[in-house]
Protein backbone atom coordinates (compact mmCIF):
# COMPACT_ATOMS: atom_id res chain seq x y z
CA MET A 1 50.50 -205.04 13.15
CA ASN A 2 48.91 -201.59 12.88
CA VAL A 3 45.33 -201.12 11.68
CA HIS A 4 44.15 -198.24 9.51
CA PHE A 5 40.51 -197.60 8.58
CA LEU A 6 39.76 -195.85 5.32
CA PRO A 7 37.32 -192.99 6.05
CA VAL A 8 34.50 -194.74 4.19
CA ALA A 9 34.98 -197.88 6.31
CA LYS A 10 34.79 -195.81 9.51
CA GLN A 11 31.53 -194.32 8.28
CA GLU A 12 30.12 -197.74 7.35
CA LEU A 13 30.94 -198.99 10.85
CA ALA A 14 29.28 -195.99 12.47
CA ASP A 15 26.20 -196.22 10.23
CA ALA A 16 25.69 -199.94 10.87
CA ALA A 17 26.21 -199.57 14.63
CA THR A 18 23.68 -196.71 14.69
CA PHE A 19 21.17 -198.78 12.73
CA TYR A 20 21.48 -201.74 15.12
CA GLU A 21 21.31 -199.48 18.17
CA GLN A 22 18.04 -198.04 16.87
CA GLN A 23 16.66 -201.56 16.57
CA LEU A 24 17.53 -202.60 20.12
CA ASN A 25 19.38 -200.83 22.90
CA GLY A 26 22.90 -202.29 23.19
CA LEU A 27 22.84 -204.07 19.83
CA GLY A 28 24.96 -201.37 18.19
CA ASN A 29 27.63 -201.85 20.84
CA LEU A 30 27.53 -205.61 20.31
CA PHE A 31 27.95 -205.08 16.56
CA SER A 32 30.96 -202.78 17.09
CA LYS A 33 32.47 -205.25 19.55
CA GLN A 34 32.20 -208.05 17.00
CA VAL A 35 33.84 -205.90 14.31
CA PHE A 36 36.79 -205.23 16.60
CA GLU A 37 36.98 -208.91 17.62
CA ALA A 38 37.21 -209.76 13.91
CA ILE A 39 39.98 -207.19 13.53
CA ASP A 40 41.83 -208.74 16.48
CA MET A 41 41.64 -212.11 14.68
CA ILE A 42 42.91 -210.47 11.51
CA ARG A 43 45.85 -209.10 13.49
CA LEU A 44 46.69 -212.58 14.75
CA PHE A 45 46.19 -214.31 11.41
CA PRO A 46 46.38 -211.66 8.67
CA ASP A 47 46.48 -214.26 5.89
CA GLY A 48 43.77 -216.42 7.48
CA CYS A 49 40.70 -214.99 5.79
CA GLN A 50 39.37 -215.68 2.31
CA LEU A 51 41.22 -213.90 -0.48
CA ILE A 52 38.71 -212.27 -2.84
CA THR A 53 41.21 -210.45 -5.06
CA LYS A 54 45.00 -210.54 -5.27
CA THR A 55 45.23 -208.03 -2.40
CA THR A 56 41.87 -208.00 -0.58
CA ARG A 57 40.50 -210.45 1.97
CA LYS A 58 37.15 -210.72 3.72
CA CYS A 59 36.48 -211.67 7.31
CA LEU A 60 32.90 -212.59 8.21
CA LEU A 61 31.37 -211.54 11.52
CA ARG A 62 29.97 -214.34 13.67
CA LYS A 63 26.50 -213.06 14.57
CA PHE A 64 25.85 -210.25 12.11
CA PRO A 65 25.54 -210.45 8.32
CA TYR A 66 28.58 -208.22 7.80
CA MET A 67 32.15 -208.65 6.67
CA VAL A 68 35.37 -206.74 7.15
CA LEU A 69 37.24 -206.19 3.89
CA TYR A 70 40.93 -205.52 4.26
CA GLY A 71 44.33 -205.60 2.66
CA ILE A 72 47.87 -205.46 3.99
CA ILE A 73 50.10 -202.60 2.91
CA ASN A 74 53.57 -202.09 4.38
CA ASN A 75 52.83 -204.20 7.47
CA THR A 76 49.57 -202.30 8.09
CA ILE A 77 46.11 -203.83 7.94
CA VAL A 78 44.01 -201.44 5.87
CA ILE A 79 40.27 -201.80 6.48
CA SER A 80 38.56 -200.79 3.25
CA ALA A 81 34.94 -201.63 4.14
CA ILE A 82 32.54 -202.86 6.79
CA ALA A 83 30.01 -204.32 4.37
CA HIS A 84 26.70 -206.16 4.55
CA GLN A 85 27.09 -209.70 3.18
CA HIS A 86 24.15 -209.38 0.81
CA ARG A 87 26.14 -206.91 -1.23
CA HIS A 88 28.82 -208.30 -3.49
CA PRO A 89 32.34 -207.68 -2.06
CA ARG A 90 33.60 -206.23 -5.33
CA THR A 91 31.16 -203.34 -4.81
CA PHE A 92 33.42 -202.23 -1.96
CA LEU A 93 36.81 -202.66 -3.59
CA ARG A 94 38.48 -199.31 -3.85
């Protein structure tokens, strides 16, 4: 299954990785790695994460307080947000 990032989701990923990298050398790379590991799991089990609306699911990262919000459109996983868990998911629904 193909994966497509909305531009805002790409920016959120970059911003969060930069923030973590500024906190500790290598932490930004670990964050990015975990995001892409979550996306790999989504590819394997696209319906396996919690449904938060009729078309949007959230996948929590293991070691960071972030989630990947996504939907499936025409056999493509569309990443709509890389969001901090303290913010309500509906804030990121587009």
